[in-house]
Structure formats: C-alpha cells, structure tokens
Amino acid sequence: MKSVAVAGGNSGIGKETAVHLARRGARVIIACRDPVRAEAAVTDIRRRSLSLAVHHRQLDLASLASVRHFCRCFLEAEKRLDVLINNAGTPGRLGWTSDGFQICFGTNHLGPFLLTNLLLDRLRESAPSRVVTVSSDTYTFAKLDFSRLNAEGNRFANYSRSKLANILFTRELARRLEGTGVTAHSLHPGYIFTNWASHYSLGVRLVCYLFMSLFFISSELGSQTTIHCATSDQVLAHNGGYFSNCQPAKLSAQALDERAAKKLWDTSEQLVGLSH
C-alpha cells in the first residue's frame, strides 16, 4: 500500500486529492492545523472513498516548531512515504509568523521547504517516490528580490512571490535528487472556487465570490493536476517540471533561473536552521 501525506488535506483541492488517492488504495495522512476540522475531514474522506486508511496529524506550516514536531511524529509512525503533497498554504495575508517571517512567505514556502527536507530520507527509502508542490501561475507577476525576500508587500505581491518560490524550490529539489528515484513536480491547479478571500473586507469578498462563481472551477476539477502529478508515469519524464491542466507548461525566464533557485535554497536553509 502506497503512503501519501497531503499537507492541507482537510479542505479544497487537498481534500479532493485525498479522496481520490484513498479510492486508489493509498494510505493517506492529511496534515492540517485544526484537529477538529481534520477529524471531520477524515470522516468525510473515509465515507466518500470507502477506505479506512485515512488519518490526520496536526501541522501548522506557519510554525517551524510545528513542522519539526509533525516530522518527528510522522517518522516514528510511518515506515513509508511514497508521495508528499505540499498543498497547504495561505492567500496573500499580511502579518508575521511566530518565527518572524512574512506570513505568506513563511507558510507557503519556508514551511513546505522545511517539511520536505525533514522527510527526504523517508522519501529516498521509499523510492520511487515524489514531491508534488501546488504553486500558481500568479508566479509570473512576482519579482524575487533577495534583499527583500522576507519583506511585507501588498497581498498579491506576497502571494505571487511565494508561488515563484515554490517553483524555484521544486526545480532545485529535482536537481539535488537526480538519480535517487525521488522526483519533484510543481503545478498550477487552475483558479479554484474556495473561501480564500475570507481574510478580506466584506466588499472585496462579495466581488471575489461573484467573480469566482462565474469564472472559477470546482475543487474537484482543480485537484486533477495534483492527482496527475502524484500518480501518472507521464510526469516522470519531466522531473522538476511545472504542470497545468495535467500537461507540462512553459515557465518564465525568472522561474528557470538556476542561480536564483540555488540561492533561494541556500537562503531558505539558513532561515529555517538547516544550514551546515
């Protein structure tokens, strides 16, 4: 039985991904911040998938201590990890994590970066295995200024910068894991009808929900590219690749910058305390 960890598997495309993988016979561990919501999600995923091999563990990606605790518990309990799905994240929120990082950069990039690194040995031991990271094509609007990597910008700038970081992280991860049997893939899930605008004012929420109802897709449809990257053999020929609509997608020059990817990795190691 394959073992899959889905960060943010309690709602949205993460939950739909968990349902699909459980239906395929995988042991699924959803990792999320709120244990009450996680338990409710596990019950629903089990009901829909007709599988009891669905469990949850608490994980707050905005807290490096929480990430480390999750990984210690996971490694003690789980002997395999065939697929790690970095799906959890936050929209372009303002503010700071308890570790002093801009909350969007900390939650969407540094948390998954630390999570993946702490689980790498288990992924290697379980090879062939995969790391799938949910990004967004909003990355094209980002500018990665290393002198302001952790700076507070506007909400959209915060979000798009973290999504560019996801892609650069994936590409550098793939380069470092070449030949190990562990592959890495990032993706754009589409524009999903979710409650991501809940942090905004009432007026902004109303406009967003009206717009989303007309042009956005459901979480079930939005999960398809994640599922494709987690299960299809076709993606193996595109290690480090970026996918959209279940197909390889072209990246901008900035996202293909190998020097920036290496520098982001080295900087991230220092920020999360992994540098040697």
C-alpha atoms as a PDB file:
ATOM      1  CA  MET A   1       0.000   0.000   0.000  1.00  0.00           C
ATOM      2  CA  LYS A   2       1.412   3.372  -1.019  1.00  0.00           C
ATOM      3  CA  SER A   3       1.620   6.034   1.666  1.00  0.00           C
ATOM      4  CA  VAL A   4       0.717   9.637   0.825  1.00  0.00           C
ATOM      5  CA  ALA A   5       0.947  12.741   3.004  1.00  0.00           C
ATOM      6  CA  VAL A   6      -1.242  15.676   1.955  1.00  0.00           C
ATOM      7  CA  ALA A   7      -0.500  18.975   3.663  1.00  0.00           C
ATOM      8  CA  GLY A   8      -3.768  20.892   3.750  1.00  0.00           C
ATOM      9  CA  GLY A   9      -5.831  17.802   3.034  1.00  0.00           C
ATOM     10  CA  ASN A  10      -8.817  18.901   5.109  1.00  0.00           C
ATOM     11  CA  SER A  11     -10.430  21.195   2.524  1.00  0.00           C
ATOM     12  CA  GLY A  12     -10.471  22.358  -1.078  1.00  0.00           C
ATOM     13  CA  ILE A  13      -8.279  20.663  -3.663  1.00  0.00           C
ATOM     14  CA  GLY A  14      -6.233  18.994  -0.939  1.00  0.00           C
ATOM     15  CA  LYS A  15      -9.278  17.184   0.352  1.00  0.00           C
ATOM     16  CA  GLU A  16     -10.385  16.168  -3.149  1.00  0.00           C
ATOM     17  CA  THR A  17      -6.882  14.866  -3.797  1.00  0.00           C
ATOM     18  CA  ALA A  18      -7.021  12.851  -0.583  1.00  0.00           C
ATOM     19  CA  VAL A  19     -10.389  11.328  -1.556  1.00  0.00           C
ATOM     20  CA  HIS A  20      -9.104  10.265  -4.969  1.00  0.00           C
ATOM     21  CA  LEU A  21      -5.877   8.744  -3.637  1.00  0.00           C
ATOM     22  CA  ALA A  22      -7.727   6.891  -0.894  1.00  0.00           C
ATOM     23  CA  ARG A  23     -10.048   5.440  -3.545  1.00  0.00           C
ATOM     24  CA  ARG A  24      -6.955   4.189  -5.365  1.00  0.00           C
ATOM     25  CA  GLY A  25      -5.931   2.226  -2.292  1.00  0.00           C
ATOM     26  CA  ALA A  26      -3.331   4.565  -0.769  1.00  0.00           C
ATOM     27  CA  ARG A  27      -2.820   5.109   2.915  1.00  0.00           C
ATOM     28  CA  VAL A  28      -3.497   8.842   3.233  1.00  0.00           C
ATOM     29  CA  ILE A  29      -2.338  11.109   6.037  1.00  0.00           C
ATOM     30  CA  ILE A  30      -3.787  14.605   5.911  1.00  0.00           C
ATOM     31  CA  ALA A  31      -1.780  17.237   7.733  1.00  0.00           C
ATOM     32  CA  CYS A  32      -3.543  20.382   8.868  1.00  0.00           C
ATOM     33  CA  ARG A  33      -3.610  22.950  11.637  1.00  0.00           C
ATOM     34  CA  ASP A  34      -7.064  22.477  13.198  1.00  0.00           C
ATOM     35  CA  PRO A  35      -7.564  18.978  14.694  1.00  0.00           C
ATOM     36  CA  VAL A  36     -11.353  19.380  14.882  1.00  0.00           C
ATOM     37  CA  ARG A  37     -11.625  20.204  11.183  1.00  0.00           C
ATOM     38  CA  ALA A  38      -9.105  17.480  10.413  1.00  0.00           C
ATOM     39  CA  GLU A  39     -11.172  14.837  12.189  1.00  0.00           C
ATOM     40  CA  ALA A  40     -14.308  15.950  10.332  1.00  0.00           C
ATOM     41  CA  ALA A  41     -12.392  15.798   7.049  1.00  0.00           C
ATOM     42  CA  VAL A  42     -11.103  12.294   7.803  1.00  0.00           C
ATOM     43  CA  THR A  43     -14.656  11.109   8.459  1.00  0.00           C
ATOM     44  CA  ASP A  44     -15.876  12.597   5.177  1.00  0.00           C
ATOM     45  CA  ILE A  45     -12.912  11.302   3.145  1.00  0.00           C
ATOM     46  CA  ARG A  46     -13.407   7.794   4.545  1.00  0.00           C
ATOM     47  CA  ARG A  47     -17.104   7.929   3.700  1.00  0.00           C
ATOM     48  CA  ARG A  48     -16.553   9.129   0.148  1.00  0.00           C
ATOM     49  CA  SER A  49     -13.584   6.887  -0.624  1.00  0.00           C
ATOM     50  CA  LEU A  50     -14.883   3.781   1.193  1.00  0.00           C
ATOM     51  CA  SER A  51     -11.434   3.498   2.752  1.00  0.00           C
ATOM     52  CA  LEU A  52     -10.495   3.422   6.419  1.00  0.00           C
ATOM     53  CA  ALA A  53      -6.827   4.030   5.610  1.00  0.00           C
ATOM     54  CA  VAL A  54      -7.196   7.792   6.090  1.00  0.00           C
ATOM     55  CA  HIS A  55      -5.666   9.540   9.102  1.00  0.00           C
ATOM     56  CA  HIS A  56      -4.636  13.003  10.218  1.00  0.00           C
ATOM     57  CA  ARG A  57      -1.772  14.663  12.035  1.00  0.00           C
ATOM     58  CA  GLN A  58      -1.570  18.234  13.242  1.00  0.00           C
ATOM     59  CA  LEU A  59       0.644  20.576  11.222  1.00  0.00           C
ATOM     60  CA  ASP A  60       0.878  24.361  11.163  1.00  0.00           C
ATOM     61  CA  LEU A  61       3.179  25.397   8.325  1.00  0.00           C
ATOM     62  CA  ALA A  62       3.409  28.899   9.769  1.00  0.00           C
ATOM     63  CA  SER A  63       5.351  27.456  12.707  1.00  0.00           C
ATOM     64  CA  LEU A  64       8.752  25.831  12.197  1.00  0.00           C
ATOM     65  CA  ALA A  65       8.378  24.151  15.593  1.00  0.00           C
ATOM     66  CA  SER A  66       5.099  22.598  14.440  1.00  0.00           C
ATOM     67  CA  VAL A  67       6.736  21.363  11.232  1.00  0.00           C
ATOM     68  CA  ARG A  68       9.546  19.737  13.197  1.00  0.00           C
ATOM     69  CA  HIS A  69       7.102  18.141  15.637  1.00  0.00           C
ATOM     70  CA  PHE A  70       4.972  16.793  12.795  1.00  0.00           C
ATOM     71  CA  CYS A  71       8.012  15.264  11.089  1.00  0.00           C
ATOM     72  CA  ARG A  72       9.264  13.620  14.292  1.00  0.00           C
ATOM     73  CA  CYS A  73       5.864  12.010  14.879  1.00  0.00           C
ATOM     74  CA  PHE A  74       5.457  11.041  11.232  1.00  0.00           C
ATOM     75  CA  LEU A  75       8.867   9.388  11.010  1.00  0.00           C
ATOM     76  CA  GLU A  76       8.253   7.442  14.204  1.00  0.00           C
ATOM     77  CA  ALA A  77       4.900   6.121  12.982  1.00  0.00           C
ATOM     78  CA  GLU A  78       5.213   5.806   9.203  1.00  0.00           C
ATOM     79  CA  LYS A  79       7.723   3.466   7.572  1.00  0.00           C
ATOM     80  CA  ARG A  80       6.961   4.624   4.018  1.00  0.00           C
ATOM     81  CA  LEU A  81       6.311   7.882   2.215  1.00  0.00           C
ATOM     82  CA  ASP A  82       5.640   7.432  -1.480  1.00  0.00           C
ATOM     83  CA  VAL A  83       4.166  10.860  -2.206  1.00  0.00           C
ATOM     84  CA  LEU A  84       4.419  14.135  -0.307  1.00  0.00           C
ATOM     85  CA  ILE A  85       1.937  16.749  -1.497  1.00  0.00           C
ATOM     86  CA  ASN A  86       2.687  20.324  -0.446  1.00  0.00           C
ATOM     87  CA  ASN A  87      -0.812  21.684  -0.906  1.00  0.00           C
ATOM     88  CA  ALA A  88      -1.391  23.738   2.243  1.00  0.00           C
ATOM     89  CA  GLY A  89      -0.933  27.460   2.076  1.00  0.00           C
ATOM     90  CA  THR A  90      -2.430  30.838   2.684  1.00  0.00           C
ATOM     91  CA  PRO A  91      -3.577  33.638   0.362  1.00  0.00           C
ATOM     92  CA  GLY A  92      -1.729  36.925   0.347  1.00  0.00           C
ATOM     93  CA  ARG A  93      -2.193  37.715   4.022  1.00  0.00           C
ATOM     94  CA  LEU A  94      -0.427  40.497   5.844  1.00  0.00           C
ATOM     95  CA  GLY A  95       1.427  39.971   9.080  1.00  0.00           C
ATOM     96  CA  TRP A  96       4.161  37.796  10.527  1.00  0.00           C
ATOM     97  CA  THR A  97       4.615  34.254  11.776  1.00  0.00           C
ATOM     98  CA  SER A  98       5.775  33.471  15.302  1.00  0.00           C
ATOM     99  CA  ASP A  99       9.234  32.864  13.786  1.00  0.00           C
ATOM    100  CA  GLY A 100       9.342  36.395  12.364  1.00  0.00           C
ATOM    101  CA  PHE A 101       8.658  35.624   8.708  1.00  0.00           C
ATOM    102  CA  GLN A 102       6.153  37.363   6.472  1.00  0.00           C
ATOM    103  CA  ILE A 103       3.189  35.056   6.932  1.00  0.00           C
ATOM    104  CA  CYS A 104       2.656  34.243   3.268  1.00  0.00           C
ATOM    105  CA  PHE A 105       6.345  33.573   2.585  1.00  0.00           C
ATOM    106  CA  GLY A 106       6.685  31.585   5.804  1.00  0.00           C
ATOM    107  CA  THR A 107       3.585  29.452   5.312  1.00  0.00           C
ATOM    108  CA  ASN A 108       3.718  28.916   1.555  1.00  0.00           C
ATOM    109  CA  HIS A 109       7.462  28.461   1.097  1.00  0.00           C
ATOM    110  CA  LEU A 110       9.552  28.086   4.249  1.00  0.00           C
ATOM    111  CA  GLY A 111       7.133  25.678   5.944  1.00  0.00           C
ATOM    112  CA  PRO A 112       6.952  23.286   2.963  1.00  0.00           C
ATOM    113  CA  PHE A 113      10.709  23.689   2.406  1.00  0.00           C
ATOM    114  CA  LEU A 114      11.472  22.507   5.945  1.00  0.00           C
ATOM    115  CA  LEU A 115       8.780  19.814   5.819  1.00  0.00           C
ATOM    116  CA  THR A 116      10.173  18.336   2.612  1.00  0.00           C
ATOM    117  CA  ASN A 117      13.770  18.400   3.806  1.00  0.00           C
ATOM    118  CA  LEU A 118      12.962  16.691   7.097  1.00  0.00           C
ATOM    119  CA  LEU A 119      11.094  13.915   5.244  1.00  0.00           C
ATOM    120  CA  LEU A 120      13.659  13.444   2.460  1.00  0.00           C
ATOM    121  CA  ASP A 121      15.317  10.397   3.984  1.00  0.00           C
ATOM    122  CA  ARG A 122      11.984   8.596   4.192  1.00  0.00           C
ATOM    123  CA  LEU A 123      11.199   9.567   0.600  1.00  0.00           C
ATOM    124  CA  ARG A 124      14.581   8.208  -0.535  1.00  0.00           C
ATOM    125  CA  GLU A 125      13.995   4.972   1.365  1.00  0.00           C
ATOM    126  CA  SER A 126      10.573   4.624  -0.313  1.00  0.00           C
ATOM    127  CA  ALA A 127      11.781   5.406  -3.858  1.00  0.00           C
ATOM    128  CA  PRO A 128      10.435   5.634  -6.426  1.00  0.00           C
ATOM    129  CA  SER A 129       8.650   8.490  -4.711  1.00  0.00           C
ATOM    130  CA  ARG A 130       7.518  12.044  -5.448  1.00  0.00           C
ATOM    131  CA  VAL A 131       7.201  15.526  -4.027  1.00  0.00           C
ATOM    132  CA  VAL A 132       4.304  17.492  -5.516  1.00  0.00           C
ATOM    133  CA  THR A 133       4.032  21.190  -4.727  1.00  0.00           C
ATOM    134  CA  VAL A 134       0.974  23.266  -5.570  1.00  0.00           C
ATOM    135  CA  SER A 135       2.012  26.635  -6.982  1.00  0.00           C
ATOM    136  CA  SER A 136       0.055  29.077  -9.159  1.00  0.00           C
ATOM    137  CA  ASP A 137       0.537  30.868 -12.449  1.00  0.00           C
ATOM    138  CA  THR A 138       0.352  34.112 -10.481  1.00  0.00           C
ATOM    139  CA  TYR A 139       4.083  33.483 -10.032  1.00  0.00           C
ATOM    140  CA  THR A 140       4.550  35.322 -13.350  1.00  0.00           C
ATOM    141  CA  PHE A 141       3.772  38.624 -11.590  1.00  0.00           C
ATOM    142  CA  ALA A 142       6.439  38.130  -8.927  1.00  0.00           C
ATOM    143  CA  LYS A 143       9.865  39.640  -8.586  1.00  0.00           C
ATOM    144  CA  LEU A 144      12.294  37.788  -6.359  1.00  0.00           C
ATOM    145  CA  ASP A 145      14.458  40.423  -4.723  1.00  0.00           C
ATOM    146  CA  PHE A 146      16.756  38.622  -2.284  1.00  0.00           C
ATOM    147  CA  SER A 147      17.366  41.841  -0.379  1.00  0.00           C
ATOM    148  CA  ARG A 148      13.615  41.949   0.364  1.00  0.00           C
ATOM    149  CA  LEU A 149      12.827  38.241   0.399  1.00  0.00           C
ATOM    150  CA  ASN A 150      11.002  38.428   3.734  1.00  0.00           C
ATOM    151  CA  ALA A 151       9.568  41.918   3.261  1.00  0.00           C
ATOM    152  CA  GLU A 152       5.899  42.777   3.659  1.00  0.00           C
ATOM    153  CA  GLY A 153       4.395  43.853   0.337  1.00  0.00           C
ATOM    154  CA  ASN A 154       0.804  44.111  -0.772  1.00  0.00           C
ATOM    155  CA  ARG A 155      -1.313  40.966  -0.538  1.00  0.00           C
ATOM    156  CA  PHE A 156      -0.926  39.962  -4.170  1.00  0.00           C
ATOM    157  CA  ALA A 157       2.828  40.596  -4.155  1.00  0.00           C
ATOM    158  CA  ASN A 158       3.207  38.426  -1.054  1.00  0.00           C
ATOM    159  CA  TYR A 159       1.273  35.578  -2.631  1.00  0.00           C
ATOM    160  CA  SER A 160       2.852  35.659  -6.085  1.00  0.00           C
ATOM    161  CA  ARG A 161       6.357  35.802  -4.588  1.00  0.00           C
ATOM    162  CA  SER A 162       5.663  32.687  -2.525  1.00  0.00           C
ATOM    163  CA  LYS A 163       4.354  30.866  -5.606  1.00  0.00           C
ATOM    164  CA  LEU A 164       7.509  31.708  -7.564  1.00  0.00           C
ATOM    165  CA  ALA A 165       9.490  30.376  -4.611  1.00  0.00           C
ATOM    166  CA  ASN A 166       7.516  27.105  -4.842  1.00  0.00           C
ATOM    167  CA  ILE A 167       8.624  26.617  -8.438  1.00  0.00           C
ATOM    168  CA  LEU A 168      12.263  27.502  -7.846  1.00  0.00           C
ATOM    169  CA  PHE A 169      12.303  25.194  -4.817  1.00  0.00           C
ATOM    170  CA  THR A 170      10.880  22.353  -6.897  1.00  0.00           C
ATOM    171  CA  ARG A 171      13.424  22.787  -9.653  1.00  0.00           C
ATOM    172  CA  GLU A 172      16.370  22.876  -7.248  1.00  0.00           C
ATOM    173  CA  LEU A 173      14.960  19.903  -5.311  1.00  0.00           C
ATOM    174  CA  ALA A 174      14.750  17.896  -8.529  1.00  0.00           C
ATOM    175  CA  ARG A 175      18.339  18.810  -9.389  1.00  0.00           C
ATOM    176  CA  ARG A 176      19.618  17.754  -5.970  1.00  0.00           C
ATOM    177  CA  LEU A 177      17.693  14.462  -6.030  1.00  0.00           C
ATOM    178  CA  GLU A 178      18.716  13.460  -9.554  1.00  0.00           C
ATOM    179  CA  GLY A 179      19.328   9.717  -9.662  1.00  0.00           C
ATOM    180  CA  THR A 180      17.802   8.957  -6.244  1.00  0.00           C
ATOM    181  CA  GLY A 181      14.415   7.804  -7.518  1.00  0.00           C
ATOM    182  CA  VAL A 182      12.704  10.798  -5.889  1.00  0.00           C
ATOM    183  CA  THR A 183      11.161  13.235  -8.363  1.00  0.00           C
ATOM    184  CA  ALA A 184       9.717  16.698  -7.808  1.00  0.00           C
ATOM    185  CA  HIS A 185       6.910  18.467  -9.652  1.00  0.00           C
ATOM    186  CA  SER A 186       5.061  21.767  -9.235  1.00  0.00           C
ATOM    187  CA  LEU A 187       1.734  22.784 -10.706  1.00  0.00           C
ATOM    188  CA  HIS A 188      -0.939  25.366 -11.321  1.00  0.00           C
ATOM    189  CA  PRO A 189      -4.284  23.858 -10.242  1.00  0.00           C
ATOM    190  CA  GLY A 190      -6.435  26.403 -12.044  1.00  0.00           C
ATOM    191  CA  TYR A 191      -8.471  29.118 -10.405  1.00  0.00           C
ATOM    192  CA  ILE A 192     -10.496  27.408  -7.721  1.00  0.00           C
ATOM    193  CA  PHE A 193     -13.772  28.492  -6.165  1.00  0.00           C
ATOM    194  CA  THR A 194     -12.787  28.463  -2.484  1.00  0.00           C
ATOM    195  CA  ASN A 195     -13.019  30.684   0.594  1.00  0.00           C
ATOM    196  CA  TRP A 196      -9.520  32.137   0.063  1.00  0.00           C
ATOM    197  CA  ALA A 197     -10.951  35.688   0.157  1.00  0.00           C
ATOM    198  CA  SER A 198     -12.218  35.242   3.721  1.00  0.00           C
ATOM    199  CA  HIS A 199      -9.407  37.435   5.107  1.00  0.00           C
ATOM    200  CA  TYR A 200     -10.508  40.430   3.040  1.00  0.00           C
ATOM    201  CA  SER A 201     -13.195  43.057   3.726  1.00  0.00           C
ATOM    202  CA  LEU A 202     -16.878  42.307   3.114  1.00  0.00           C
ATOM    203  CA  GLY A 203     -16.950  44.362  -0.087  1.00  0.00           C
ATOM    204  CA  VAL A 204     -13.896  42.613  -1.515  1.00  0.00           C
ATOM    205  CA  ARG A 205     -15.326  39.205  -0.548  1.00  0.00           C
ATOM    206  CA  LEU A 206     -18.607  39.900  -2.330  1.00  0.00           C
ATOM    207  CA  VAL A 207     -16.838  40.973  -5.522  1.00  0.00           C
ATOM    208  CA  CYS A 208     -14.481  37.991  -5.351  1.00  0.00           C
ATOM    209  CA  TYR A 209     -17.256  35.466  -4.802  1.00  0.00           C
ATOM    210  CA  LEU A 210     -19.309  36.885  -7.671  1.00  0.00           C
ATOM    211  CA  PHE A 211     -16.296  36.750  -9.978  1.00  0.00           C
ATOM    212  CA  MET A 212     -15.345  33.239  -8.839  1.00  0.00           C
ATOM    213  CA  SER A 213     -18.863  31.908  -9.345  1.00  0.00           C
ATOM    214  CA  LEU A 214     -18.691  32.987 -12.979  1.00  0.00           C
ATOM    215  CA  PHE A 215     -15.153  32.055 -13.970  1.00  0.00           C
ATOM    216  CA  PHE A 216     -13.571  29.710 -11.425  1.00  0.00           C
ATOM    217  CA  ILE A 217     -13.667  25.902 -11.270  1.00  0.00           C
ATOM    218  CA  SER A 218     -14.618  23.491  -8.505  1.00  0.00           C
ATOM    219  CA  SER A 219     -12.141  21.929  -6.093  1.00  0.00           C
ATOM    220  CA  GLU A 220     -12.816  18.542  -7.674  1.00  0.00           C
ATOM    221  CA  LEU A 221     -11.753  19.786 -11.105  1.00  0.00           C
ATOM    222  CA  GLY A 222      -8.913  21.779  -9.605  1.00  0.00           C
ATOM    223  CA  SER A 223      -7.450  18.710  -7.927  1.00  0.00           C
ATOM    224  CA  GLN A 224      -6.925  16.858 -11.216  1.00  0.00           C
ATOM    225  CA  THR A 225      -3.450  18.223 -11.964  1.00  0.00           C
ATOM    226  CA  THR A 226      -2.278  17.449  -8.420  1.00  0.00           C
ATOM    227  CA  ILE A 227      -3.591  13.897  -8.791  1.00  0.00           C
ATOM    228  CA  HIS A 228      -1.923  13.616 -12.194  1.00  0.00           C
ATOM    229  CA  CYS A 229       1.443  14.694 -10.774  1.00  0.00           C
ATOM    230  CA  ALA A 230       1.054  12.297  -7.843  1.00  0.00           C
ATOM    231  CA  THR A 231       0.096   9.215  -9.851  1.00  0.00           C
ATOM    232  CA  SER A 232       0.863   9.419 -13.570  1.00  0.00           C
ATOM    233  CA  ASP A 233       4.014   7.875 -15.028  1.00  0.00           C
ATOM    234  CA  GLN A 234       3.926  10.569 -17.719  1.00  0.00           C
ATOM    235  CA  VAL A 235       5.266  13.197 -15.331  1.00  0.00           C
ATOM    236  CA  LEU A 236       8.437  11.205 -14.620  1.00  0.00           C
ATOM    237  CA  ALA A 237       9.958  12.415 -17.874  1.00  0.00           C
ATOM    238  CA  HIS A 238       9.632  15.985 -16.568  1.00  0.00           C
ATOM    239  CA  ASN A 239      11.478  15.927 -13.250  1.00  0.00           C
ATOM    240  CA  GLY A 240      11.399  19.457 -11.844  1.00  0.00           C
ATOM    241  CA  GLY A 241       8.668  20.345 -14.312  1.00  0.00           C
ATOM    242  CA  TYR A 242       5.667  22.610 -13.906  1.00  0.00           C
ATOM    243  CA  PHE A 243       2.217  21.364 -14.903  1.00  0.00           C
ATOM    244  CA  SER A 244      -1.116  22.942 -15.775  1.00  0.00           C
ATOM    245  CA  ASN A 245      -4.262  21.155 -16.961  1.00  0.00           C
ATOM    246  CA  CYS A 246      -2.399  17.857 -16.478  1.00  0.00           C
ATOM    247  CA  GLN A 247       0.190  18.878 -19.078  1.00  0.00           C
ATOM    248  CA  PRO A 248       3.737  20.243 -18.875  1.00  0.00           C
ATOM    249  CA  ALA A 249       3.630  24.036 -19.019  1.00  0.00           C
ATOM    250  CA  LYS A 250       6.252  26.564 -20.036  1.00  0.00           C
ATOM    251  CA  LEU A 251       7.934  28.629 -17.348  1.00  0.00           C
ATOM    252  CA  SER A 252       9.108  32.216 -17.439  1.00  0.00           C
ATOM    253  CA  ALA A 253      12.809  33.022 -17.595  1.00  0.00           C
ATOM    254  CA  GLN A 254      12.748  34.029 -13.930  1.00  0.00           C
ATOM    255  CA  ALA A 255      11.324  30.639 -12.905  1.00  0.00           C
ATOM    256  CA  LEU A 256      14.031  28.905 -14.958  1.00  0.00           C
ATOM    257  CA  ASP A 257      16.860  30.841 -13.298  1.00  0.00           C
ATOM    258  CA  GLU A 258      19.094  28.111 -11.852  1.00  0.00           C
ATOM    259  CA  ARG A 259      21.281  30.544  -9.938  1.00  0.00           C
ATOM    260  CA  ALA A 260      18.227  32.068  -8.262  1.00  0.00           C
ATOM    261  CA  ALA A 261      16.944  28.576  -7.396  1.00  0.00           C
ATOM    262  CA  LYS A 262      20.245  27.642  -5.741  1.00  0.00           C
ATOM    263  CA  LYS A 263      20.427  30.948  -3.893  1.00  0.00           C
ATOM    264  CA  LEU A 264      16.838  30.579  -2.666  1.00  0.00           C
ATOM    265  CA  TRP A 265      17.634  27.079  -1.406  1.00  0.00           C
ATOM    266  CA  ASP A 266      20.743  28.228   0.455  1.00  0.00           C
ATOM    267  CA  THR A 267      18.930  31.229   1.921  1.00  0.00           C
ATOM    268  CA  SER A 268      15.965  29.090   2.959  1.00  0.00           C
ATOM    269  CA  GLU A 269      18.275  26.603   4.689  1.00  0.00           C
ATOM    270  CA  GLN A 270      19.690  29.428   6.777  1.00  0.00           C
ATOM    271  CA  LEU A 271      16.266  30.875   7.592  1.00  0.00           C
ATOM    272  CA  VAL A 272      14.821  27.562   8.826  1.00  0.00           C
ATOM    273  CA  GLY A 273      18.017  26.442  10.583  1.00  0.00           C
ATOM    274  CA  LEU A 274      19.118  23.661   8.248  1.00  0.00           C
ATOM    275  CA  SER A 275      22.409  25.165   7.042  1.00  0.00           C
ATOM    276  CA  HIS A 276      25.524  23.169   7.830  1.00  0.00           C
END
